[in-house]
Amino acid sequence: MFDLLYICASFNRSFSYYLMPQSLSRVFVHIVFSTKHRQPFMDLAIQPRLFAYMARICTEFDCPPVRIGGYYDHVHLLCLLSRKTTLADLLEDVKKHSSKWVKTQGEQYANFYWQNGYGAFSVNPKQEGVVCQYIDNQFFHHEKKDFKTEFREFLHQYDVEYDERYVWD
């Protein structure tokens, strides 16, 4: 990587050069997406292996997974976003490769697909534990509400404007 060069003009029109030796970031992102039409394809037999597979993909993109969990019809992924990877590129590969992998796990998964979109929400590093606990308790949360309700709550909590007609597929 090239060092970034900052040029600051002084009052006498001479220039001073400052090098920024490294780029640093620590960006937690909580990503949520569902199966196509929220079909309950992710049974308990496949969830641990699917989440491990997704973790490997995130790691390959230099986006260390912090926690991955979910319910029968959706996934919650908390990871650190790499300085070198866009969120769109990460999700495109996570969804594409994991979908292909799921289909190799048995006939019952032959029609497995992810929804087209996703939700991505920033997480304060001091709230990492709270988000991990939330992800770990998905089965408890979904005794009381379905995925659509949960997702709408995230959109409202983060003041995300949306058109209901285009959120679900």
C-alpha atoms as a PDB file:
ATOM      1  CA  MET A   1       0.000   0.000   0.000  1.00  0.00           C
ATOM      2  CA  PHE A   2       1.138   3.513  -0.692  1.00  0.00           C
ATOM      3  CA  ASP A   3       1.548   5.875   2.197  1.00  0.00           C
ATOM      4  CA  LEU A   4      -0.868   8.729   2.097  1.00  0.00           C
ATOM      5  CA  LEU A   5       0.719  12.103   1.582  1.00  0.00           C
ATOM      6  CA  TYR A   6      -0.820  15.133   3.137  1.00  0.00           C
ATOM      7  CA  ILE A   7       0.288  18.508   1.931  1.00  0.00           C
ATOM      8  CA  CYS A   8      -0.369  21.488   4.094  1.00  0.00           C
ATOM      9  CA  ALA A   9       0.229  24.938   2.716  1.00  0.00           C
ATOM     10  CA  SER A  10       1.664  27.383   5.235  1.00  0.00           C
ATOM     11  CA  PHE A  11       0.981  31.093   5.278  1.00  0.00           C
ATOM     12  CA  ASN A  12       4.204  31.884   3.410  1.00  0.00           C
ATOM     13  CA  ARG A  13       3.168  29.523   0.583  1.00  0.00           C
ATOM     14  CA  SER A  14       5.849  26.968   1.389  1.00  0.00           C
ATOM     15  CA  PHE A  15       4.710  23.394   1.719  1.00  0.00           C
ATOM     16  CA  SER A  16       5.176  20.954   4.550  1.00  0.00           C
ATOM     17  CA  TYR A  17       4.839  17.234   3.899  1.00  0.00           C
ATOM     18  CA  TYR A  18       3.446  14.796   6.418  1.00  0.00           C
ATOM     19  CA  LEU A  19       3.356  11.067   5.888  1.00  0.00           C
ATOM     20  CA  MET A  20       0.617   8.965   7.381  1.00  0.00           C
ATOM     21  CA  PRO A  21       2.430   5.662   7.921  1.00  0.00           C
ATOM     22  CA  GLN A  22      -0.612   3.399   8.193  1.00  0.00           C
ATOM     23  CA  SER A  23      -4.365   3.235   7.855  1.00  0.00           C
ATOM     24  CA  LEU A  24      -6.211   1.992  10.900  1.00  0.00           C
ATOM     25  CA  SER A  25      -9.802   0.986  11.405  1.00  0.00           C
ATOM     26  CA  ARG A  26     -12.013  -1.074  13.680  1.00  0.00           C
ATOM     27  CA  VAL A  27     -15.468  -1.109  12.139  1.00  0.00           C
ATOM     28  CA  PHE A  28     -17.964  -3.597  13.521  1.00  0.00           C
ATOM     29  CA  VAL A  29     -20.873  -4.369  11.234  1.00  0.00           C
ATOM     30  CA  HIS A  30     -23.958  -6.419  12.063  1.00  0.00           C
ATOM     31  CA  ILE A  31     -25.277  -7.977   8.856  1.00  0.00           C
ATOM     32  CA  VAL A  32     -28.698  -9.585   8.602  1.00  0.00           C
ATOM     33  CA  PHE A  33     -30.206 -11.468   5.668  1.00  0.00           C
ATOM     34  CA  SER A  34     -32.741 -14.207   5.137  1.00  0.00           C
ATOM     35  CA  THR A  35     -33.344 -17.200   2.970  1.00  0.00           C
ATOM     36  CA  LYS A  36     -35.360 -16.562  -0.179  1.00  0.00           C
ATOM     37  CA  HIS A  37     -39.008 -16.012   0.838  1.00  0.00           C
ATOM     38  CA  ARG A  38     -37.878 -16.766   4.410  1.00  0.00           C
ATOM     39  CA  GLN A  39     -38.045 -20.489   3.815  1.00  0.00           C
ATOM     40  CA  PRO A  40     -36.932 -22.422   6.963  1.00  0.00           C
ATOM     41  CA  PHE A  41     -34.063 -24.249   5.226  1.00  0.00           C
ATOM     42  CA  MET A  42     -31.445 -23.788   7.941  1.00  0.00           C
ATOM     43  CA  ASP A  43     -32.250 -26.658  10.222  1.00  0.00           C
ATOM     44  CA  LEU A  44     -30.201 -27.488  13.300  1.00  0.00           C
ATOM     45  CA  ALA A  45     -28.279 -30.156  11.387  1.00  0.00           C
ATOM     46  CA  ILE A  46     -26.752 -27.626   8.983  1.00  0.00           C
ATOM     47  CA  GLN A  47     -26.517 -24.424  11.008  1.00  0.00           C
ATOM     48  CA  PRO A  48     -23.186 -25.050  12.799  1.00  0.00           C
ATOM     49  CA  ARG A  49     -21.461 -26.190   9.604  1.00  0.00           C
ATOM     50  CA  LEU A  50     -22.987 -23.369   7.548  1.00  0.00           C
ATOM     51  CA  PHE A  51     -21.931 -20.742  10.069  1.00  0.00           C
ATOM     52  CA  ALA A  52     -18.392 -22.185  10.159  1.00  0.00           C
ATOM     53  CA  TYR A  53     -18.267 -22.120   6.360  1.00  0.00           C
ATOM     54  CA  MET A  54     -19.417 -18.499   6.333  1.00  0.00           C
ATOM     55  CA  ALA A  55     -16.770 -17.664   8.943  1.00  0.00           C
ATOM     56  CA  ARG A  56     -14.043 -19.042   6.659  1.00  0.00           C
ATOM     57  CA  ILE A  57     -15.276 -16.869   3.789  1.00  0.00           C
ATOM     58  CA  CYS A  58     -15.233 -13.779   6.016  1.00  0.00           C
ATOM     59  CA  THR A  59     -11.720 -14.621   7.158  1.00  0.00           C
ATOM     60  CA  GLU A  60     -10.554 -14.965   3.553  1.00  0.00           C
ATOM     61  CA  PHE A  61     -11.794 -11.412   2.977  1.00  0.00           C
ATOM     62  CA  ASP A  62      -9.852 -10.187   6.016  1.00  0.00           C
ATOM     63  CA  CYS A  63     -13.162  -9.525   7.800  1.00  0.00           C
ATOM     64  CA  PRO A  64     -12.789 -11.522  10.999  1.00  0.00           C
ATOM     65  CA  PRO A  65     -16.130 -12.902  12.147  1.00  0.00           C
ATOM     66  CA  VAL A  66     -16.989 -12.106  15.742  1.00  0.00           C
ATOM     67  CA  ARG A  67     -20.261 -14.039  15.892  1.00  0.00           C
ATOM     68  CA  ILE A  68     -22.483 -15.821  13.396  1.00  0.00           C
ATOM     69  CA  GLY A  69     -25.865 -17.202  14.285  1.00  0.00           C
ATOM     70  CA  GLY A  70     -29.446 -17.163  13.237  1.00  0.00           C
ATOM     71  CA  TYR A  71     -32.704 -18.950  13.006  1.00  0.00           C
ATOM     72  CA  TYR A  72     -34.237 -21.336  10.489  1.00  0.00           C
ATOM     73  CA  ASP A  73     -34.841 -18.567   7.951  1.00  0.00           C
ATOM     74  CA  HIS A  74     -32.127 -15.950   8.464  1.00  0.00           C
ATOM     75  CA  VAL A  75     -28.566 -15.187   9.534  1.00  0.00           C
ATOM     76  CA  HIS A  76     -26.961 -12.600  11.784  1.00  0.00           C
ATOM     77  CA  LEU A  77     -23.288 -11.979  11.109  1.00  0.00           C
ATOM     78  CA  LEU A  78     -21.161  -9.679  13.264  1.00  0.00           C
ATOM     79  CA  CYS A  79     -17.733  -9.053  11.822  1.00  0.00           C
ATOM     80  CA  LEU A  80     -14.981  -6.502  11.599  1.00  0.00           C
ATOM     81  CA  LEU A  81     -14.995  -4.877   8.186  1.00  0.00           C
ATOM     82  CA  SER A  82     -11.633  -4.894   6.449  1.00  0.00           C
ATOM     83  CA  ARG A  83     -10.090  -1.677   5.190  1.00  0.00           C
ATOM     84  CA  LYS A  84      -9.600  -3.423   1.849  1.00  0.00           C
ATOM     85  CA  THR A  85     -13.005  -5.042   1.294  1.00  0.00           C
ATOM     86  CA  THR A  86     -16.310  -3.434   0.510  1.00  0.00           C
ATOM     87  CA  LEU A  87     -19.374  -4.646   2.320  1.00  0.00           C
ATOM     88  CA  ALA A  88     -21.034  -5.444  -1.021  1.00  0.00           C
ATOM     89  CA  ASP A  89     -18.100  -7.616  -2.153  1.00  0.00           C
ATOM     90  CA  LEU A  90     -18.030  -9.469   1.162  1.00  0.00           C
ATOM     91  CA  LEU A  91     -21.754 -10.214   1.102  1.00  0.00           C
ATOM     92  CA  GLU A  92     -21.773 -11.178  -2.547  1.00  0.00           C
ATOM     93  CA  ASP A  93     -19.179 -13.882  -1.891  1.00  0.00           C
ATOM     94  CA  VAL A  94     -20.562 -15.014   1.467  1.00  0.00           C
ATOM     95  CA  LYS A  95     -24.009 -15.504  -0.009  1.00  0.00           C
ATOM     96  CA  LYS A  96     -22.896 -16.951  -3.354  1.00  0.00           C
ATOM     97  CA  HIS A  97     -20.434 -19.491  -1.977  1.00  0.00           C
ATOM     98  CA  SER A  98     -22.477 -20.502   1.050  1.00  0.00           C
ATOM     99  CA  SER A  99     -25.564 -21.016  -1.104  1.00  0.00           C
ATOM    100  CA  LYS A 100     -23.620 -23.310  -3.426  1.00  0.00           C
ATOM    101  CA  TRP A 101     -22.173 -25.164  -0.436  1.00  0.00           C
ATOM    102  CA  VAL A 102     -25.592 -25.684   1.207  1.00  0.00           C
ATOM    103  CA  LYS A 103     -26.929 -27.274  -1.963  1.00  0.00           C
ATOM    104  CA  THR A 104     -24.176 -29.915  -1.781  1.00  0.00           C
ATOM    105  CA  GLN A 105     -25.267 -30.977   1.706  1.00  0.00           C
ATOM    106  CA  GLY A 106     -28.276 -33.032   0.714  1.00  0.00           C
ATOM    107  CA  GLU A 107     -31.400 -33.251  -1.408  1.00  0.00           C
ATOM    108  CA  GLN A 108     -33.442 -31.346   1.165  1.00  0.00           C
ATOM    109  CA  TYR A 109     -31.335 -28.241   0.388  1.00  0.00           C
ATOM    110  CA  ALA A 110     -31.577 -28.413  -3.422  1.00  0.00           C
ATOM    111  CA  ASN A 111     -33.823 -25.321  -3.582  1.00  0.00           C
ATOM    112  CA  PHE A 112     -31.855 -23.252  -1.081  1.00  0.00           C
ATOM    113  CA  TYR A 113     -31.323 -19.577  -1.946  1.00  0.00           C
ATOM    114  CA  TRP A 114     -30.570 -16.402  -0.030  1.00  0.00           C
ATOM    115  CA  GLN A 115     -32.705 -13.307  -0.442  1.00  0.00           C
ATOM    116  CA  ASN A 116     -31.223 -10.715  -2.806  1.00  0.00           C
ATOM    117  CA  GLY A 117     -30.678  -7.958  -0.264  1.00  0.00           C
ATOM    118  CA  TYR A 118     -29.360  -7.573   3.254  1.00  0.00           C
ATOM    119  CA  GLY A 119     -29.293  -5.156   6.151  1.00  0.00           C
ATOM    120  CA  ALA A 120     -25.999  -3.862   7.520  1.00  0.00           C
ATOM    121  CA  PHE A 121     -25.822  -1.897  10.737  1.00  0.00           C
ATOM    122  CA  SER A 122     -22.873  -0.263  12.449  1.00  0.00           C
ATOM    123  CA  VAL A 123     -22.056  -1.406  15.961  1.00  0.00           C
ATOM    124  CA  ASN A 124     -20.336   0.618  18.651  1.00  0.00           C
ATOM    125  CA  PRO A 125     -17.337  -1.472  19.828  1.00  0.00           C
ATOM    126  CA  LYS A 126     -18.587  -1.086  23.401  1.00  0.00           C
ATOM    127  CA  GLN A 127     -21.794  -2.879  22.334  1.00  0.00           C
ATOM    128  CA  GLU A 128     -20.010  -5.893  20.817  1.00  0.00           C
ATOM    129  CA  GLY A 129     -20.993  -8.133  23.743  1.00  0.00           C
ATOM    130  CA  VAL A 130     -24.624  -7.035  23.589  1.00  0.00           C
ATOM    131  CA  VAL A 131     -24.813  -7.848  19.867  1.00  0.00           C
ATOM    132  CA  CYS A 132     -23.102 -11.217  20.391  1.00  0.00           C
ATOM    133  CA  GLN A 133     -25.621 -12.078  23.088  1.00  0.00           C
ATOM    134  CA  TYR A 134     -28.461 -11.005  20.802  1.00  0.00           C
ATOM    135  CA  ILE A 135     -27.157 -13.280  18.034  1.00  0.00           C
ATOM    136  CA  ASP A 136     -26.679 -16.172  20.459  1.00  0.00           C
ATOM    137  CA  ASN A 137     -30.296 -15.855  21.650  1.00  0.00           C
ATOM    138  CA  GLN A 138     -32.028 -16.007  18.261  1.00  0.00           C
ATOM    139  CA  PHE A 139     -34.190 -18.999  19.174  1.00  0.00           C
ATOM    140  CA  PHE A 140     -35.441 -17.181  22.257  1.00  0.00           C
ATOM    141  CA  HIS A 141     -36.200 -13.972  20.290  1.00  0.00           C
ATOM    142  CA  HIS A 142     -38.126 -15.828  17.630  1.00  0.00           C
ATOM    143  CA  GLU A 143     -40.482 -17.452  20.086  1.00  0.00           C
ATOM    144  CA  LYS A 144     -42.037 -13.968  20.224  1.00  0.00           C
ATOM    145  CA  LYS A 145     -41.569 -12.441  16.768  1.00  0.00           C
ATOM    146  CA  ASP A 146     -40.887 -13.411  13.200  1.00  0.00           C
ATOM    147  CA  PHE A 147     -37.997 -12.283  11.011  1.00  0.00           C
ATOM    148  CA  LYS A 148     -39.948  -9.541   9.243  1.00  0.00           C
ATOM    149  CA  THR A 149     -40.838  -7.922  12.558  1.00  0.00           C
ATOM    150  CA  GLU A 150     -37.268  -8.222  13.803  1.00  0.00           C
ATOM    151  CA  PHE A 151     -35.843  -6.730  10.597  1.00  0.00           C
ATOM    152  CA  ARG A 152     -38.319  -3.822  10.599  1.00  0.00           C
ATOM    153  CA  GLU A 153     -37.256  -3.082  14.191  1.00  0.00           C
ATOM    154  CA  PHE A 154     -33.609  -2.853  13.065  1.00  0.00           C
ATOM    155  CA  LEU A 155     -34.563  -0.527  10.227  1.00  0.00           C
ATOM    156  CA  HIS A 156     -36.487   1.729  12.618  1.00  0.00           C
ATOM    157  CA  GLN A 157     -33.767   1.623  15.295  1.00  0.00           C
ATOM    158  CA  TYR A 158     -31.170   2.775  12.748  1.00  0.00           C
ATOM    159  CA  ASP A 159     -33.504   5.275  11.027  1.00  0.00           C
ATOM    160  CA  VAL A 160     -33.193   3.469   7.691  1.00  0.00           C
ATOM    161  CA  GLU A 161     -35.729   4.665   5.156  1.00  0.00           C
ATOM    162  CA  TYR A 162     -37.215   1.836   3.144  1.00  0.00           C
ATOM    163  CA  ASP A 163     -40.075   0.897   0.888  1.00  0.00           C
ATOM    164  CA  GLU A 164     -41.821  -2.231   2.130  1.00  0.00           C
ATOM    165  CA  ARG A 165     -42.460  -3.338  -1.464  1.00  0.00           C
ATOM    166  CA  TYR A 166     -38.727  -3.805  -2.066  1.00  0.00           C
ATOM    167  CA  VAL A 167     -37.509  -5.257   1.220  1.00  0.00           C
ATOM    168  CA  TRP A 168     -38.786  -8.812   0.849  1.00  0.00           C
ATOM    169  CA  ASP A 169     -38.201 -11.445  -1.811  1.00  0.00           C
END
